[in-house]
C-alpha atoms as a PDB file:
ATOM      1  CA  UNK A   1      -2.817 -37.040  -8.348  1.00  0.00           C
ATOM      2  CA  UNK A   2      -1.955 -33.737  -9.545  1.00  0.00           C
ATOM      3  CA  UNK A   3       0.416 -34.543 -12.371  1.00  0.00           C
ATOM      4  CA  UNK A   4       1.844 -37.834 -14.149  1.00  0.00           C
ATOM      5  CA  UNK A   5       4.350 -37.862 -16.646  1.00  0.00           C
ATOM      6  CA  UNK A   6       7.210 -39.666 -18.581  1.00  0.00           C
ATOM      7  CA  UNK A   7      10.791 -39.234 -17.561  1.00  0.00           C
ATOM      8  CA  UNK A   8      13.660 -39.678 -20.026  1.00  0.00           C
ATOM      9  CA  UNK A   9      13.647 -39.319 -23.584  1.00  0.00           C
ATOM     10  CA  UNK A  10      11.261 -40.770 -26.149  1.00  0.00           C
ATOM     11  CA  UNK A  11      12.764 -44.055 -27.365  1.00  0.00           C
ATOM     12  CA  UNK A  12      14.171 -43.861 -31.360  1.00  0.00           C
ATOM     13  CA  UNK A  13      11.540 -45.382 -33.656  1.00  0.00           C
ATOM     14  CA  UNK A  14      14.696 -46.952 -35.897  1.00  0.00           C
ATOM     15  CA  UNK A  15      16.071 -48.324 -32.591  1.00  0.00           C
ATOM     16  CA  UNK A  16      13.532 -48.794 -29.802  1.00  0.00           C
ATOM     17  CA  UNK A  17      14.569 -49.024 -26.344  1.00  0.00           C
ATOM     18  CA  UNK A  18      13.652 -52.347 -24.610  1.00  0.00           C
ATOM     19  CA  UNK A  19      13.596 -50.633 -20.991  1.00  0.00           C
ATOM     20  CA  UNK A  20      10.486 -49.002 -20.158  1.00  0.00           C
ATOM     21  CA  UNK A  21      10.658 -45.307 -19.377  1.00  0.00           C
ATOM     22  CA  UNK A  22       9.768 -44.293 -15.631  1.00  0.00           C
ATOM     23  CA  UNK A  23       6.707 -42.566 -14.461  1.00  0.00           C
ATOM     24  CA  UNK A  24       6.737 -39.608 -12.326  1.00  0.00           C
ATOM     25  CA  UNK A  25       3.697 -39.095 -10.125  1.00  0.00           C
ATOM     26  CA  UNK A  26       2.917 -35.795  -8.033  1.00  0.00           C
ATOM     27  CA  UNK A  27       0.124 -36.285  -5.244  1.00  0.00           C
ATOM     28  CA  UNK A  28      -1.671 -33.379  -3.924  1.00  0.00           C
ATOM     29  CA  UNK A  29      -0.635 -33.972  -0.570  1.00  0.00           C
ATOM     30  CA  UNK A  30       2.313 -35.778   1.531  1.00  0.00           C
ATOM     31  CA  UNK A  31      -0.508 -37.647   3.609  1.00  0.00           C
ATOM     32  CA  UNK A  32      -1.545 -39.044  -0.045  1.00  0.00           C
ATOM     33  CA  UNK A  33       1.630 -40.055  -0.888  1.00  0.00           C
ATOM     34  CA  UNK A  34       2.270 -41.946   2.701  1.00  0.00           C
ATOM     35  CA  UNK A  35      -0.795 -43.910   2.232  1.00  0.00           C
ATOM     36  CA  UNK A  36       0.539 -45.014  -0.920  1.00  0.00           C
ATOM     37  CA  UNK A  37       3.856 -45.859  -0.063  1.00  0.00           C
ATOM     38  CA  UNK A  38       2.585 -47.688   3.069  1.00  0.00           C
ATOM     39  CA  UNK A  39       0.333 -50.004   1.240  1.00  0.00           C
ATOM     40  CA  UNK A  40       3.167 -51.155  -1.389  1.00  0.00           C
ATOM     41  CA  UNK A  41       3.706 -54.673   0.688  1.00  0.00           C
ATOM     42  CA  UNK A  42       0.283 -55.607  -0.999  1.00  0.00           C
ATOM     43  CA  UNK A  43       1.984 -55.632  -4.456  1.00  0.00           C
ATOM     44  CA  UNK A  44       3.668 -58.939  -3.206  1.00  0.00           C
ATOM     45  CA  UNK A  45       0.264 -60.982  -3.790  1.00  0.00           C
ATOM     46  CA  UNK A  46      -0.946 -59.218  -7.249  1.00  0.00           C
ATOM     47  CA  UNK A  47      -0.915 -60.807 -10.271  1.00  0.00           C
ATOM     48  CA  UNK A  48       2.326 -62.009 -12.319  1.00  0.00           C
ATOM     49  CA  UNK A  49       1.944 -59.430 -14.815  1.00  0.00           C
ATOM     50  CA  UNK A  50       2.354 -56.721 -12.271  1.00  0.00           C
ATOM     51  CA  UNK A  51       5.193 -58.307 -10.443  1.00  0.00           C
ATOM     52  CA  UNK A  52       7.879 -56.174 -11.982  1.00  0.00           C
ATOM     53  CA  UNK A  53       6.495 -53.001 -10.942  1.00  0.00           C
ATOM     54  CA  UNK A  54       9.118 -50.957  -8.915  1.00  0.00           C
ATOM     55  CA  UNK A  55       7.755 -47.869  -6.841  1.00  0.00           C
ATOM     56  CA  UNK A  56      10.300 -45.534  -4.998  1.00  0.00           C
ATOM     57  CA  UNK A  57      10.680 -42.101  -3.320  1.00  0.00           C
ATOM     58  CA  UNK A  58      11.730 -39.396  -5.566  1.00  0.00           C
ATOM     59  CA  UNK A  59      15.276 -38.581  -3.972  1.00  0.00           C
ATOM     60  CA  UNK A  60      17.968 -36.173  -4.953  1.00  0.00           C
ATOM     61  CA  UNK A  61      21.516 -36.985  -5.150  1.00  0.00           C
ATOM     62  CA  UNK A  62      22.820 -35.783  -1.778  1.00  0.00           C
ATOM     63  CA  UNK A  63      19.616 -37.821  -0.441  1.00  0.00           C
ATOM     64  CA  UNK A  64      20.498 -40.970  -2.088  1.00  0.00           C
ATOM     65  CA  UNK A  65      24.181 -40.490  -1.162  1.00  0.00           C
ATOM     66  CA  UNK A  66      23.001 -39.809   2.325  1.00  0.00           C
ATOM     67  CA  UNK A  67      20.754 -43.429   2.031  1.00  0.00           C
ATOM     68  CA  UNK A  68      23.719 -45.025   0.889  1.00  0.00           C
ATOM     69  CA  UNK A  69      26.152 -44.276   3.566  1.00  0.00           C
ATOM     70  CA  UNK A  70      23.358 -44.506   6.546  1.00  0.00           C
ATOM     71  CA  UNK A  71      22.852 -48.485   4.708  1.00  0.00           C
ATOM     72  CA  UNK A  72      26.541 -49.094   4.747  1.00  0.00           C
ATOM     73  CA  UNK A  73      26.752 -47.760   8.618  1.00  0.00           C
ATOM     74  CA  UNK A  74      23.745 -50.203   9.598  1.00  0.00           C
ATOM     75  CA  UNK A  75      25.656 -53.112   7.828  1.00  0.00           C
ATOM     76  CA  UNK A  76      28.665 -52.255   9.625  1.00  0.00           C
ATOM     77  CA  UNK A  77      26.653 -52.289  13.132  1.00  0.00           C
ATOM     78  CA  UNK A  78      25.054 -55.226  12.305  1.00  0.00           C
ATOM     79  CA  UNK A  79      28.635 -56.841  11.654  1.00  0.00           C
ATOM     80  CA  UNK A  80      30.208 -55.687  14.468  1.00  0.00           C
ATOM     81  CA  UNK A  81      27.108 -56.798  16.806  1.00  0.00           C
ATOM     82  CA  UNK A  82      28.489 -60.009  18.142  1.00  0.00           C
ATOM     83  CA  UNK A  83      25.520 -61.082  20.443  1.00  0.00           C
ATOM     84  CA  UNK A  84      23.039 -61.464  17.310  1.00  0.00           C
ATOM     85  CA  UNK A  85      20.337 -60.023  19.202  1.00  0.00           C
ATOM     86  CA  UNK A  86      19.609 -56.740  17.228  1.00  0.00           C
ATOM     87  CA  UNK A  87      19.518 -55.999  13.248  1.00  0.00           C
ATOM     88  CA  UNK A  88      20.029 -52.592  12.095  1.00  0.00           C
ATOM     89  CA  UNK A  89      18.065 -50.993   9.484  1.00  0.00           C
ATOM     90  CA  UNK A  90      17.537 -47.407   7.737  1.00  0.00           C
ATOM     91  CA  UNK A  91      13.993 -45.728   8.561  1.00  0.00           C
ATOM     92  CA  UNK A  92      12.668 -42.574   7.551  1.00  0.00           C
ATOM     93  CA  UNK A  93      11.480 -40.234   5.014  1.00  0.00           C
ATOM     94  CA  UNK A  94      13.971 -38.868   2.200  1.00  0.00           C
ATOM     95  CA  UNK A  95      16.089 -35.929   4.037  1.00  0.00           C
ATOM     96  CA  UNK A  96      15.432 -37.426   7.629  1.00  0.00           C
ATOM     97  CA  UNK A  97      16.529 -41.061   7.302  1.00  0.00           C
ATOM     98  CA  UNK A  98      17.991 -42.572  10.547  1.00  0.00           C
ATOM     99  CA  UNK A  99      19.397 -45.996  11.526  1.00  0.00           C
ATOM    100  CA  UNK A 100      17.146 -47.805  13.664  1.00  0.00           C
ATOM    101  CA  UNK A 101      18.256 -51.122  16.057  1.00  0.00           C
ATOM    102  CA  UNK A 102      15.420 -53.697  15.895  1.00  0.00           C
ATOM    103  CA  UNK A 103      15.125 -57.144  17.919  1.00  0.00           C
ATOM    104  CA  UNK A 104      16.269 -59.884  15.654  1.00  0.00           C
ATOM    105  CA  UNK A 105      13.598 -62.581  15.206  1.00  0.00           C
ATOM    106  CA  UNK A 106      14.910 -66.112  16.094  1.00  0.00           C
ATOM    107  CA  UNK A 107      12.888 -68.844  14.273  1.00  0.00           C
ATOM    108  CA  UNK A 108      13.324 -72.035  16.296  1.00  0.00           C
ATOM    109  CA  UNK A 109      11.949 -75.205  15.529  1.00  0.00           C
ATOM    110  CA  UNK A 110      10.561 -77.387  18.561  1.00  0.00           C
ATOM    111  CA  UNK A 111      10.342 -81.095  17.460  1.00  0.00           C
END
């Protein structure tokens, strides 16, 4: 990590904010950031104290808007797919996101 700092204003001592302020973390290289982001699934199994932690890419307004539009398009494609064989998800790094078609997993119970 090269830099770590808090975002937002400090809470007023007379009226402290209940919501915690987010932390911005800068990594030395994009590869290290990718390793961290790929390991986030491990947070599912951590102690209850850390369950409320959210980690996300820092995206510009245009990147957030692009992501939102792609997610809406993927949901529409999934709704239009009458076969039910595929699901559509948005994948990729901010600025290079795309919709991918994945085979749906069908859970069947054998008795």
